[in-house]
Structures are given as structure tokens and as C-alpha cells.
Amino acid sequence: MRWNEADIFSICARVLSRHPTEITRATRLVEDLGASSLDLMQIAQSIEKEWGIVLSEDDLFLFNTAGDLVAATQAASTNCV
């Protein structure tokens, strides 16, 4: 199954108890949404469970914005193929 940006935003919204429309590519995960390191791990696990895309745990803490997360998911998904 293919994913898109809105799918990633929906996962972030679900994990962070937010509405998906609150999240854009420029939304900062920690500063704007209050994501903790545990939240970031849950987001990565949800992406892996949903699409089989594995994000590096080390890289999770380098993501600043939701757009960074989308880009990393895109990069990881091309490595899975």
C-alpha cells in the first residue's frame, strides 16, 4: 500500500492527540506539537507497522518538522524496494 503526506500527518495526529489539519510540513514536532522522544518512537513504529518502512531510531531525534519526517519516510521507502 502506498502512503502519502496526509497519512504521515494522520499518524502524528493520532499519536500526539491532535487534529490532522493542525499539521503541515512546517509544523515542528517538538516545539509546536509537544512530541516527546517516546512519541517519536511511537510514530516510527506506526509507520513501520502500516507500511513496513523502517526509520532509524538515531535519525528520529534529528527530525525537526513534519516535513523532515515525510522526507525521511520517503527516503527509507525507496531503500525498502
C-alpha atoms as a PDB file:
ATOM      1  CA  MET A   1       0.000   0.000   0.000  1.00  0.00           C
ATOM      2  CA  ARG A   2       1.287   3.442  -0.897  1.00  0.00           C
ATOM      3  CA  TRP A   3       1.340   6.243   1.619  1.00  0.00           C
ATOM      4  CA  ASN A   4       1.199   9.988   1.209  1.00  0.00           C
ATOM      5  CA  GLU A   5       1.998  13.045   3.264  1.00  0.00           C
ATOM      6  CA  ALA A   6      -1.508  13.174   4.745  1.00  0.00           C
ATOM      7  CA  ASP A   7      -1.067   9.610   6.029  1.00  0.00           C
ATOM      8  CA  ILE A   8       2.079  10.617   7.915  1.00  0.00           C
ATOM      9  CA  PHE A   9       0.321  13.663   9.343  1.00  0.00           C
ATOM     10  CA  SER A  10      -2.572  11.438  10.451  1.00  0.00           C
ATOM     11  CA  ILE A  11      -0.199   9.141  12.322  1.00  0.00           C
ATOM     12  CA  CYS A  12       1.414  12.138  14.015  1.00  0.00           C
ATOM     13  CA  ALA A  13      -2.013  13.488  14.921  1.00  0.00           C
ATOM     14  CA  ARG A  14      -3.154  10.159  16.337  1.00  0.00           C
ATOM     15  CA  VAL A  15      -0.020   9.665  18.454  1.00  0.00           C
ATOM     16  CA  LEU A  16       0.003  13.274  19.652  1.00  0.00           C
ATOM     17  CA  SER A  17      -3.776  13.588  20.188  1.00  0.00           C
ATOM     18  CA  ARG A  18      -4.086  16.388  17.638  1.00  0.00           C
ATOM     19  CA  HIS A  19      -6.273  17.020  14.616  1.00  0.00           C
ATOM     20  CA  PRO A  20      -4.501  16.232  11.310  1.00  0.00           C
ATOM     21  CA  THR A  21      -5.314  19.707   9.959  1.00  0.00           C
ATOM     22  CA  GLU A  22      -3.052  21.178  12.661  1.00  0.00           C
ATOM     23  CA  ILE A  23      -0.046  19.547  10.990  1.00  0.00           C
ATOM     24  CA  THR A  24       1.757  20.864   7.910  1.00  0.00           C
ATOM     25  CA  ARG A  25       5.229  20.259   6.521  1.00  0.00           C
ATOM     26  CA  ALA A  26       6.455  23.262   8.523  1.00  0.00           C
ATOM     27  CA  THR A  27       4.979  22.128  11.846  1.00  0.00           C
ATOM     28  CA  ARG A  28       7.724  21.487  14.373  1.00  0.00           C
ATOM     29  CA  LEU A  29       7.207  18.138  16.062  1.00  0.00           C
ATOM     30  CA  VAL A  30       8.623  19.039  19.471  1.00  0.00           C
ATOM     31  CA  GLU A  31       8.158  22.789  19.713  1.00  0.00           C
ATOM     32  CA  ASP A  32       4.706  23.082  18.104  1.00  0.00           C
ATOM     33  CA  LEU A  33       3.172  19.693  18.897  1.00  0.00           C
ATOM     34  CA  GLY A  34       4.969  18.831  22.123  1.00  0.00           C
ATOM     35  CA  ALA A  35       6.276  15.471  20.882  1.00  0.00           C
ATOM     36  CA  SER A  36       8.452  13.573  23.339  1.00  0.00           C
ATOM     37  CA  SER A  37      11.093  11.007  22.426  1.00  0.00           C
ATOM     38  CA  LEU A  38       8.547   8.288  23.228  1.00  0.00           C
ATOM     39  CA  ASP A  39       6.045   9.943  20.859  1.00  0.00           C
ATOM     40  CA  LEU A  40       8.638   9.966  18.081  1.00  0.00           C
ATOM     41  CA  MET A  41       9.299   6.261  18.664  1.00  0.00           C
ATOM     42  CA  GLN A  42       5.558   5.526  18.516  1.00  0.00           C
ATOM     43  CA  ILE A  43       5.257   7.474  15.254  1.00  0.00           C
ATOM     44  CA  ALA A  44       8.132   5.482  13.743  1.00  0.00           C
ATOM     45  CA  GLN A  45       6.634   2.193  14.939  1.00  0.00           C
ATOM     46  CA  SER A  46       3.262   3.125  13.437  1.00  0.00           C
ATOM     47  CA  ILE A  47       4.890   3.910  10.088  1.00  0.00           C
ATOM     48  CA  GLU A  48       6.711   0.570  10.179  1.00  0.00           C
ATOM     49  CA  LYS A  49       3.546  -1.344  11.129  1.00  0.00           C
ATOM     50  CA  GLU A  50       1.433   0.395   8.491  1.00  0.00           C
ATOM     51  CA  TRP A  51       3.813   0.280   5.505  1.00  0.00           C
ATOM     52  CA  GLY A  52       6.860  -1.758   6.542  1.00  0.00           C
ATOM     53  CA  ILE A  53       9.092   1.313   6.346  1.00  0.00           C
ATOM     54  CA  VAL A  54      11.812   1.313   8.988  1.00  0.00           C
ATOM     55  CA  LEU A  55      13.090   4.674  10.201  1.00  0.00           C
ATOM     56  CA  SER A  56      16.414   4.710  12.018  1.00  0.00           C
ATOM     57  CA  GLU A  57      15.961   5.291  15.739  1.00  0.00           C
ATOM     58  CA  ASP A  58      19.007   7.542  15.687  1.00  0.00           C
ATOM     59  CA  ASP A  59      17.503   9.679  12.939  1.00  0.00           C
ATOM     60  CA  LEU A  60      14.213  10.134  14.797  1.00  0.00           C
ATOM     61  CA  PHE A  61      15.771  12.692  17.065  1.00  0.00           C
ATOM     62  CA  LEU A  62      17.110  14.699  14.138  1.00  0.00           C
ATOM     63  CA  PHE A  63      13.650  15.424  12.744  1.00  0.00           C
ATOM     64  CA  ASN A  64      12.625  18.987  13.380  1.00  0.00           C
ATOM     65  CA  THR A  65       9.446  19.293  11.321  1.00  0.00           C
ATOM     66  CA  ALA A  66       6.712  17.044   9.989  1.00  0.00           C
ATOM     67  CA  GLY A  67       8.232  17.725   6.565  1.00  0.00           C
ATOM     68  CA  ASP A  68      11.514  16.207   7.770  1.00  0.00           C
ATOM     69  CA  LEU A  69       9.585  13.115   8.822  1.00  0.00           C
ATOM     70  CA  VAL A  70       7.884  12.888   5.418  1.00  0.00           C
ATOM     71  CA  ALA A  71      11.249  13.230   3.642  1.00  0.00           C
ATOM     72  CA  ALA A  72      12.861  10.567   5.837  1.00  0.00           C
ATOM     73  CA  THR A  73       9.928   8.229   5.248  1.00  0.00           C
ATOM     74  CA  GLN A  74      10.263   8.790   1.506  1.00  0.00           C
ATOM     75  CA  ALA A  75      13.999   8.076   1.626  1.00  0.00           C
ATOM     76  CA  ALA A  76      13.504   4.956   3.740  1.00  0.00           C
ATOM     77  CA  SER A  77      10.703   3.690   1.494  1.00  0.00           C
ATOM     78  CA  THR A  78      12.917   3.854  -1.588  1.00  0.00           C
ATOM     79  CA  ASN A  79      15.523   1.831   0.316  1.00  0.00           C
ATOM     80  CA  CYS A  80      12.882  -0.845   1.088  1.00  0.00           C
ATOM     81  CA  VAL A  81      12.061  -1.501  -2.544  1.00  0.00           C
END
